[in-house]
Amino acid sequence: MVSQEKNQNLLEGFKAFLLRGNVIDLAVAVVIGAAFTNIVNAIVKGVISPVVGAFGTKNLESYRSCLKAPCQVNESGEVVQGVAILWGSVLSATLSFLITAAVVYFLMVLPMARYLARRAALQKERRGVEEALEVTELELLKDIRDALVAQRGAERGAP
């Protein structure tokens, strides 16, 4: 009996964990990120690489420097002899990262920040109006109190 209750509590806790907004948001972000990677790779291969290819070769991965000569490369592009620094693959990965970061910033982070700033300004404005109404209401109540006090004082003073 106790183990059944424990299993139910465990399953209910797991269900609550899965249904929290953070886990679902994270899962959606991973799926969108995976799809977005394909877009960035297509931009690098279809736009950036040809532009770089105008000055050298279209394949950024083929850029390398020989640290210890003689460097020999086979048909598949692997270094067979010598020590080569594959700075072209680093450049390609860096460009992919920069493009991804720029797109995420300009299409997601910046618009969300602007939206949140507008929303905060509207809430601040609403709070200001509510405070002004509260102050006005308080002043009105004070005026009524003062008028009643003055009226009572006038009634007591008149025989």
N, C-alpha and C. Protein backbone atom coordinates (compact mmCIF):
# COMPACT_ATOMS: atom_id res chain seq x y z
N MET A 1 0.82 -1.19 0.00
CA MET A 1 0.00 0.00 0.00
C MET A 1 0.86 1.26 0.00
N VAL A 2 1.89 1.26 0.83
CA VAL A 2 2.77 2.41 0.92
C VAL A 2 3.55 2.60 -0.38
N SER A 3 4.01 1.49 -0.98
CA SER A 3 4.78 1.61 -2.22
C SER A 3 3.91 2.11 -3.37
N GLN A 4 2.60 1.74 -3.38
CA GLN A 4 1.71 2.25 -4.42
C GLN A 4 1.53 3.76 -4.29
N GLU A 5 1.33 4.22 -3.06
CA GLU A 5 1.18 5.66 -2.82
C GLU A 5 2.47 6.39 -3.20
N LYS A 6 3.59 5.78 -2.85
CA LYS A 6 4.88 6.38 -3.17
C LYS A 6 5.06 6.48 -4.68
N ASN A 7 4.69 5.42 -5.41
CA ASN A 7 4.78 5.45 -6.87
C ASN A 7 3.85 6.49 -7.47
N GLN A 8 2.63 6.60 -6.91
CA GLN A 8 1.70 7.62 -7.41
C GLN A 8 2.25 9.02 -7.17
N ASN A 9 2.78 9.25 -5.97
CA ASN A 9 3.36 10.56 -5.67
C ASN A 9 4.54 10.85 -6.58
N LEU A 10 5.34 9.83 -6.83
CA LEU A 10 6.49 9.98 -7.71
C LEU A 10 6.03 10.32 -9.12
N LEU A 11 5.02 9.60 -9.62
CA LEU A 11 4.50 9.88 -10.96
C LEU A 11 3.83 11.25 -11.03
N GLU A 12 3.10 11.63 -10.00
CA GLU A 12 2.47 12.95 -9.97
C GLU A 12 3.52 14.04 -9.95
N GLY A 13 4.57 13.84 -9.17
CA GLY A 13 5.66 14.82 -9.13
C GLY A 13 6.35 14.94 -10.48
N PHE A 14 6.58 13.79 -11.14
CA PHE A 14 7.21 13.80 -12.45
C PHE A 14 6.32 14.50 -13.47
N LYS A 15 5.02 14.23 -13.39
CA LYS A 15 4.06 14.87 -14.30
C LYS A 15 4.06 16.38 -14.06
N ALA A 16 4.05 16.81 -12.81
CA ALA A 16 4.08 18.24 -12.50
C ALA A 16 5.36 18.87 -13.03
N PHE A 17 6.48 18.15 -12.90
CA PHE A 17 7.75 18.65 -13.41
C PHE A 17 7.70 18.84 -14.92
N LEU A 18 7.15 17.84 -15.62
CA LEU A 18 7.09 17.92 -17.08
C LEU A 18 6.14 19.01 -17.57
N LEU A 19 5.08 19.25 -16.82
CA LEU A 19 4.08 20.20 -17.27
C LEU A 19 4.39 21.63 -16.85
N ARG A 20 5.45 21.83 -16.09
CA ARG A 20 5.85 23.20 -15.77
C ARG A 20 6.28 23.89 -17.05
N GLY A 21 6.10 25.18 -17.10
CA GLY A 21 6.41 25.93 -18.30
C GLY A 21 7.85 25.85 -18.72
N ASN A 22 8.77 25.79 -17.78
CA ASN A 22 10.19 25.82 -18.12
C ASN A 22 10.62 24.61 -18.94
N VAL A 23 10.14 23.43 -18.59
CA VAL A 23 10.54 22.22 -19.29
C VAL A 23 9.99 22.23 -20.72
N ILE A 24 8.75 22.61 -20.86
CA ILE A 24 8.14 22.65 -22.18
C ILE A 24 8.81 23.72 -23.04
N ASP A 25 9.08 24.89 -22.45
CA ASP A 25 9.77 25.94 -23.18
C ASP A 25 11.15 25.48 -23.63
N LEU A 26 11.84 24.77 -22.77
CA LEU A 26 13.17 24.27 -23.11
C LEU A 26 13.09 23.27 -24.26
N ALA A 27 12.11 22.37 -24.21
CA ALA A 27 11.96 21.39 -25.29
C ALA A 27 11.66 22.08 -26.62
N VAL A 28 10.80 23.07 -26.59
CA VAL A 28 10.49 23.83 -27.81
C VAL A 28 11.74 24.56 -28.31
N ALA A 29 12.51 25.12 -27.40
CA ALA A 29 13.73 25.83 -27.79
C ALA A 29 14.74 24.89 -28.44
N VAL A 30 14.85 23.68 -27.93
CA VAL A 30 15.79 22.71 -28.51
C VAL A 30 15.36 22.34 -29.93
N VAL A 31 14.07 22.10 -30.12
CA VAL A 31 13.57 21.73 -31.45
C VAL A 31 13.75 22.89 -32.42
N ILE A 32 13.41 24.09 -32.01
CA ILE A 32 13.58 25.26 -32.88
C ILE A 32 15.06 25.50 -33.15
N GLY A 33 15.89 25.32 -32.14
CA GLY A 33 17.34 25.50 -32.32
C GLY A 33 17.91 24.52 -33.33
N ALA A 34 17.45 23.28 -33.29
CA ALA A 34 17.92 22.28 -34.25
C ALA A 34 17.51 22.66 -35.67
N ALA A 35 16.27 23.12 -35.82
CA ALA A 35 15.81 23.55 -37.15
C ALA A 35 16.55 24.80 -37.60
N PHE A 36 16.82 25.68 -36.66
CA PHE A 36 17.51 26.93 -36.98
C PHE A 36 18.95 26.67 -37.42
N THR A 37 19.57 25.64 -36.87
CA THR A 37 20.93 25.28 -37.27
C THR A 37 20.99 24.98 -38.75
N ASN A 38 19.99 24.31 -39.27
CA ASN A 38 19.95 24.02 -40.71
C ASN A 38 19.90 25.31 -41.53
N ILE A 39 19.14 26.27 -41.07
CA ILE A 39 19.05 27.55 -41.78
C ILE A 39 20.40 28.26 -41.78
N VAL A 40 21.05 28.30 -40.63
CA VAL A 40 22.35 28.97 -40.53
C VAL A 40 23.38 28.26 -41.41
N ASN A 41 23.39 26.94 -41.37
CA ASN A 41 24.33 26.20 -42.22
C ASN A 41 24.08 26.48 -43.70
N ALA A 42 22.82 26.58 -44.09
CA ALA A 42 22.50 26.89 -45.49
C ALA A 42 22.98 28.28 -45.86
N ILE A 43 22.84 29.24 -44.95
CA ILE A 43 23.32 30.61 -45.22
C ILE A 43 24.83 30.61 -45.37
N VAL A 44 25.52 29.88 -44.49
CA VAL A 44 26.98 29.84 -44.57
C VAL A 44 27.42 29.19 -45.88
N LYS A 45 26.80 28.06 -46.21
CA LYS A 45 27.20 27.35 -47.43
C LYS A 45 26.74 28.06 -48.70
N GLY A 46 25.56 28.68 -48.68
CA GLY A 46 25.01 29.28 -49.88
C GLY A 46 25.38 30.73 -50.11
N VAL A 47 25.70 31.46 -49.05
CA VAL A 47 25.99 32.90 -49.20
C VAL A 47 27.42 33.24 -48.78
N ILE A 48 27.79 32.88 -47.56
CA ILE A 48 29.10 33.27 -47.03
C ILE A 48 30.22 32.57 -47.78
N SER A 49 30.12 31.26 -47.94
CA SER A 49 31.19 30.52 -48.62
C SER A 49 31.42 31.01 -50.05
N PRO A 50 30.39 31.27 -50.87
CA PRO A 50 30.66 31.81 -52.20
C PRO A 50 31.33 33.19 -52.17
N VAL A 51 30.96 34.02 -51.20
CA VAL A 51 31.61 35.33 -51.08
C VAL A 51 33.08 35.15 -50.73
N VAL A 52 33.36 34.25 -49.78
CA VAL A 52 34.75 33.96 -49.44
C VAL A 52 35.43 33.29 -50.63
N GLY A 53 34.66 32.47 -51.36
CA GLY A 53 35.21 31.79 -52.53
C GLY A 53 35.62 32.75 -53.63
N ALA A 54 35.05 33.94 -53.65
CA ALA A 54 35.46 34.94 -54.63
C ALA A 54 36.91 35.37 -54.39
N PHE A 55 37.37 35.24 -53.15
CA PHE A 55 38.74 35.63 -52.81
C PHE A 55 39.66 34.43 -52.68
N GLY A 56 39.12 33.24 -52.62
CA GLY A 56 39.94 32.05 -52.44
C GLY A 56 39.19 30.82 -52.90
N THR A 57 38.85 29.97 -51.94
CA THR A 57 38.11 28.76 -52.25
C THR A 57 36.75 28.79 -51.57
N LYS A 58 35.78 28.12 -52.16
CA LYS A 58 34.43 28.14 -51.58
C LYS A 58 34.34 27.31 -50.30
N ASN A 59 35.20 26.35 -50.17
CA ASN A 59 35.16 25.48 -49.00
C ASN A 59 36.06 26.05 -47.91
N LEU A 60 35.46 26.64 -46.89
CA LEU A 60 36.24 27.22 -45.80
C LEU A 60 37.03 26.16 -45.04
N GLU A 61 36.52 24.95 -45.05
CA GLU A 61 37.18 23.87 -44.33
C GLU A 61 38.57 23.57 -44.91
N SER A 62 38.81 23.94 -46.16
CA SER A 62 40.08 23.60 -46.79
C SER A 62 41.20 24.59 -46.42
N TYR A 63 40.86 25.68 -45.76
CA TYR A 63 41.91 26.62 -45.35
C TYR A 63 42.67 26.02 -44.18
N ARG A 64 43.98 25.92 -44.34
CA ARG A 64 44.82 25.37 -43.29
C ARG A 64 46.24 25.91 -43.46
N SER A 65 46.98 25.83 -42.38
CA SER A 65 48.39 26.23 -42.42
C SER A 65 49.21 25.07 -41.90
N CYS A 66 50.38 24.92 -42.47
CA CYS A 66 51.26 23.83 -42.08
C CYS A 66 52.19 24.32 -40.98
N LEU A 67 52.09 23.70 -39.82
CA LEU A 67 52.91 24.09 -38.69
C LEU A 67 54.26 23.39 -38.76
N LYS A 68 54.24 22.13 -39.15
CA LYS A 68 55.47 21.37 -39.26
C LYS A 68 55.49 20.74 -40.65
N ALA A 69 56.40 21.18 -41.46
CA ALA A 69 56.47 20.73 -42.86
C ALA A 69 57.09 19.35 -42.93
N PRO A 70 56.91 18.63 -43.95
CA PRO A 70 56.02 18.88 -45.08
C PRO A 70 54.63 18.36 -44.76
N CYS A 71 53.62 19.14 -45.13
CA CYS A 71 52.22 18.73 -44.94
C CYS A 71 51.74 18.08 -46.23
N GLN A 72 51.22 16.90 -46.10
CA GLN A 72 50.64 16.21 -47.24
C GLN A 72 49.21 15.84 -46.90
N VAL A 73 48.31 16.08 -47.86
CA VAL A 73 46.89 15.83 -47.67
C VAL A 73 46.44 14.81 -48.71
N ASN A 74 45.63 13.83 -48.29
CA ASN A 74 45.11 12.84 -49.25
C ASN A 74 43.86 13.39 -49.95
N GLU A 75 43.24 12.58 -50.79
CA GLU A 75 42.09 13.03 -51.58
C GLU A 75 40.89 13.44 -50.73
N SER A 76 40.74 12.82 -49.57
CA SER A 76 39.58 13.15 -48.72
C SER A 76 39.82 14.38 -47.86
N GLY A 77 40.99 14.99 -47.94
CA GLY A 77 41.28 16.22 -47.21
C GLY A 77 41.93 16.00 -45.87
N GLU A 78 42.27 14.79 -45.52
CA GLU A 78 42.90 14.51 -44.24
C GLU A 78 44.41 14.69 -44.35
N VAL A 79 45.00 15.24 -43.30
CA VAL A 79 46.44 15.44 -43.27
C VAL A 79 47.10 14.10 -42.98
N VAL A 80 47.99 13.70 -43.90
CA VAL A 80 48.66 12.41 -43.77
C VAL A 80 50.04 12.59 -43.15
N GLN A 81 50.70 13.67 -43.49
CA GLN A 81 52.05 13.90 -43.00
C GLN A 81 52.18 15.36 -42.60
N GLY A 82 52.90 15.61 -41.49
CA GLY A 82 53.09 16.97 -41.02
C GLY A 82 52.02 17.34 -39.99
N VAL A 83 52.13 18.57 -39.51
CA VAL A 83 51.16 19.08 -38.53
C VAL A 83 50.48 20.29 -39.15
N ALA A 84 49.18 20.18 -39.33
CA ALA A 84 48.43 21.27 -39.95
C ALA A 84 47.47 21.89 -38.95
N ILE A 85 47.35 23.21 -39.03
CA ILE A 85 46.36 23.94 -38.24
C ILE A 85 45.18 24.20 -39.15
N LEU A 86 44.03 23.67 -38.78
CA LEU A 86 42.83 23.77 -39.62
C LEU A 86 42.04 25.02 -39.23
N TRP A 87 42.58 26.18 -39.56
CA TRP A 87 41.92 27.41 -39.16
C TRP A 87 40.68 27.71 -40.00
N GLY A 88 40.52 27.07 -41.13
CA GLY A 88 39.33 27.26 -41.95
C GLY A 88 38.08 26.72 -41.27
N SER A 89 38.19 25.57 -40.60
CA SER A 89 37.03 25.02 -39.89
C SER A 89 36.68 25.89 -38.69
N VAL A 90 37.69 26.48 -38.06
CA VAL A 90 37.44 27.40 -36.95
C VAL A 90 36.72 28.65 -37.48
N LEU A 91 37.17 29.15 -38.62
CA LEU A 91 36.54 30.32 -39.23
C LEU A 91 35.09 30.01 -39.60
N SER A 92 34.85 28.85 -40.17
CA SER A 92 33.49 28.44 -40.54
C SER A 92 32.59 28.34 -39.31
N ALA A 93 33.08 27.72 -38.25
CA ALA A 93 32.29 27.60 -37.02
C ALA A 93 32.04 28.97 -36.38
N THR A 94 33.05 29.84 -36.44
CA THR A 94 32.90 31.19 -35.89
C THR A 94 31.85 31.97 -36.66
N LEU A 95 31.88 31.90 -37.99
CA LEU A 95 30.88 32.58 -38.80
C LEU A 95 29.48 32.04 -38.51
N SER A 96 29.37 30.73 -38.38
CA SER A 96 28.07 30.14 -38.05
C SER A 96 27.56 30.64 -36.71
N PHE A 97 28.47 30.70 -35.74
CA PHE A 97 28.09 31.19 -34.42
C PHE A 97 27.66 32.65 -34.47
N LEU A 98 28.43 33.49 -35.16
CA LEU A 98 28.09 34.92 -35.24
C LEU A 98 26.77 35.15 -35.94
N ILE A 99 26.52 34.40 -37.01
CA ILE A 99 25.24 34.53 -37.72
C ILE A 99 24.10 34.10 -36.80
N THR A 100 24.29 32.97 -36.13
CA THR A 100 23.25 32.48 -35.22
C THR A 100 22.99 33.50 -34.11
N ALA A 101 24.05 34.01 -33.51
CA ALA A 101 23.91 34.99 -32.42
C ALA A 101 23.22 36.26 -32.92
N ALA A 102 23.59 36.74 -34.10
CA ALA A 102 22.97 37.95 -34.64
C ALA A 102 21.49 37.74 -34.91
N VAL A 103 21.15 36.63 -35.52
CA VAL A 103 19.74 36.37 -35.82
C VAL A 103 18.93 36.21 -34.53
N VAL A 104 19.46 35.48 -33.57
CA VAL A 104 18.75 35.30 -32.30
C VAL A 104 18.58 36.65 -31.61
N TYR A 105 19.63 37.47 -31.61
CA TYR A 105 19.55 38.77 -30.94
C TYR A 105 18.55 39.69 -31.63
N PHE A 106 18.69 39.85 -32.96
CA PHE A 106 17.86 40.82 -33.66
C PHE A 106 16.43 40.35 -33.89
N LEU A 107 16.20 39.05 -33.98
CA LEU A 107 14.85 38.57 -34.24
C LEU A 107 14.12 38.07 -33.00
N MET A 108 14.85 37.81 -31.91
CA MET A 108 14.19 37.29 -30.72
C MET A 108 14.43 38.16 -29.48
N VAL A 109 15.69 38.38 -29.14
CA VAL A 109 16.00 39.07 -27.89
C VAL A 109 15.60 40.54 -27.94
N LEU A 110 16.00 41.25 -28.98
CA LEU A 110 15.70 42.68 -29.07
C LEU A 110 14.21 42.97 -29.13
N PRO A 111 13.44 42.28 -29.98
CA PRO A 111 11.99 42.54 -29.96
C PRO A 111 11.34 42.21 -28.61
N MET A 112 11.79 41.14 -27.96
CA MET A 112 11.22 40.78 -26.66
C MET A 112 11.57 41.84 -25.62
N ALA A 113 12.79 42.36 -25.66
CA ALA A 113 13.19 43.40 -24.72
C ALA A 113 12.36 44.67 -24.94
N ARG A 114 12.13 45.03 -26.19
CA ARG A 114 11.30 46.20 -26.49
C ARG A 114 9.87 45.98 -26.01
N TYR A 115 9.34 44.79 -26.24
CA TYR A 115 7.98 44.47 -25.80
C TYR A 115 7.88 44.57 -24.28
N LEU A 116 8.85 43.99 -23.58
CA LEU A 116 8.82 44.02 -22.12
C LEU A 116 8.98 45.44 -21.59
N ALA A 117 9.79 46.26 -22.27
CA ALA A 117 9.96 47.65 -21.85
C ALA A 117 8.65 48.42 -22.03
N ARG A 118 7.97 48.21 -23.17
CA ARG A 118 6.67 48.87 -23.39
C ARG A 118 5.65 48.42 -22.35
N ARG A 119 5.66 47.14 -22.07
CA ARG A 119 4.72 46.59 -21.09
C ARG A 119 4.99 47.16 -19.70
N ALA A 120 6.27 47.27 -19.32
CA ALA A 120 6.62 47.85 -18.03
C ALA A 120 6.22 49.32 -17.96
N ALA A 121 6.41 50.05 -19.07
CA ALA A 121 6.02 51.46 -19.09
C ALA A 121 4.51 51.62 -18.94
N LEU A 122 3.74 50.76 -19.60
CA LEU A 122 2.28 50.81 -19.47
C LEU A 122 1.84 50.49 -18.04
N GLN A 123 2.48 49.49 -17.44
CA GLN A 123 2.14 49.14 -16.06
C GLN A 123 2.49 50.29 -15.11
N LYS A 124 3.63 50.93 -15.36
CA LYS A 124 4.04 52.05 -14.53
C LYS A 124 3.05 53.20 -14.69
N GLU A 125 2.62 53.43 -15.92
CA GLU A 125 1.64 54.48 -16.18
C GLU A 125 0.32 54.17 -15.49
N ARG A 126 -0.10 52.92 -15.55
CA ARG A 126 -1.35 52.52 -14.88
C ARG A 126 -1.24 52.70 -13.37
N ARG A 127 -0.08 52.32 -12.82
CA ARG A 127 0.12 52.50 -11.38
C ARG A 127 0.08 53.98 -11.02
N GLY A 128 0.67 54.82 -11.88
CA GLY A 128 0.65 56.26 -11.64
C GLY A 128 -0.76 56.81 -11.64
N VAL A 129 -1.60 56.36 -12.58
CA VAL A 129 -2.99 56.80 -12.64
C VAL A 129 -3.75 56.32 -11.41
N GLU A 130 -3.51 55.06 -11.02
CA GLU A 130 -4.18 54.53 -9.83
C GLU A 130 -3.76 55.30 -8.58
N GLU A 131 -2.47 55.64 -8.47
CA GLU A 131 -2.00 56.41 -7.32
C GLU A 131 -2.61 57.80 -7.33
N ALA A 132 -2.72 58.41 -8.52
CA ALA A 132 -3.33 59.72 -8.61
C ALA A 132 -4.79 59.66 -8.18
N LEU A 133 -5.50 58.60 -8.60
CA LEU A 133 -6.89 58.44 -8.18
C LEU A 133 -6.98 58.24 -6.68
N GLU A 134 -6.06 57.46 -6.11
CA GLU A 134 -6.07 57.25 -4.67
C GLU A 134 -5.80 58.54 -3.93
N VAL A 135 -4.84 59.33 -4.43
CA VAL A 135 -4.52 60.61 -3.80
C VAL A 135 -5.71 61.55 -3.91
N THR A 136 -6.35 61.61 -5.07
CA THR A 136 -7.51 62.46 -5.26
C THR A 136 -8.64 62.03 -4.34
N GLU A 137 -8.86 60.74 -4.23
CA GLU A 137 -9.90 60.22 -3.35
C GLU A 137 -9.59 60.57 -1.90
N LEU A 138 -8.32 60.45 -1.52
CA LEU A 138 -7.90 60.77 -0.16
C LEU A 138 -8.10 62.26 0.11
N GLU A 139 -7.74 63.10 -0.84
CA GLU A 139 -7.93 64.54 -0.67
C GLU A 139 -9.42 64.88 -0.54
N LEU A 140 -10.26 64.22 -1.33
CA LEU A 140 -11.70 64.44 -1.26
C LEU A 140 -12.23 64.05 0.11
N LEU A 141 -11.77 62.91 0.64
CA LEU A 141 -12.21 62.49 1.96
C LEU A 141 -11.75 63.46 3.05
N LYS A 142 -10.55 63.99 2.90
CA LYS A 142 -10.05 64.99 3.86
C LYS A 142 -10.90 66.25 3.80
N ASP A 143 -11.25 66.67 2.59
CA ASP A 143 -12.10 67.87 2.45
C ASP A 143 -13.46 67.64 3.09
N ILE A 144 -14.04 66.46 2.90
CA ILE A 144 -15.33 66.15 3.52
C ILE A 144 -15.19 66.16 5.03
N ARG A 145 -14.12 65.55 5.54
CA ARG A 145 -13.89 65.55 6.99
C ARG A 145 -13.77 66.96 7.52
N ASP A 146 -12.97 67.81 6.84
CA ASP A 146 -12.79 69.18 7.28
C ASP A 146 -14.11 69.95 7.25
N ALA A 147 -14.92 69.70 6.21
CA ALA A 147 -16.22 70.37 6.12
C ALA A 147 -17.13 69.94 7.26
N LEU A 148 -17.13 68.63 7.59
CA LEU A 148 -17.94 68.14 8.69
C LEU A 148 -17.47 68.70 10.02
N VAL A 149 -16.17 68.77 10.21
CA VAL A 149 -15.62 69.34 11.45
C VAL A 149 -16.00 70.81 11.55
N ALA A 150 -15.90 71.53 10.43
CA ALA A 150 -16.26 72.94 10.44
C ALA A 150 -17.76 73.11 10.70
N GLN A 151 -18.57 72.24 10.14
CA GLN A 151 -20.03 72.30 10.33
C GLN A 151 -20.38 72.03 11.79
N ARG A 152 -19.74 71.04 12.41
CA ARG A 152 -19.99 70.74 13.81
C ARG A 152 -19.54 71.89 14.70
N GLY A 153 -18.40 72.46 14.34
CA GLY A 153 -17.90 73.61 15.13
C GLY A 153 -18.84 74.79 15.01
N ALA A 154 -19.43 75.01 13.84
CA ALA A 154 -20.36 76.13 13.65
C ALA A 154 -21.65 75.87 14.41
N GLU A 155 -22.11 74.61 14.46
CA GLU A 155 -23.33 74.27 15.18
C GLU A 155 -23.15 74.43 16.68
N ARG A 156 -22.01 74.09 17.18
CA ARG A 156 -21.73 74.21 18.61
C ARG A 156 -21.57 75.67 19.02
N GLY A 157 -21.02 76.46 18.12
CA GLY A 157 -20.78 77.88 18.43
C GLY A 157 -22.05 78.70 18.37
N ALA A 158 -23.06 78.28 17.61
CA ALA A 158 -24.30 79.05 17.49
C ALA A 158 -25.27 78.63 18.57
N PRO A 159 -25.84 79.62 19.39
CA PRO A 159 -26.77 79.26 20.46
C PRO A 159 -28.17 79.02 19.98
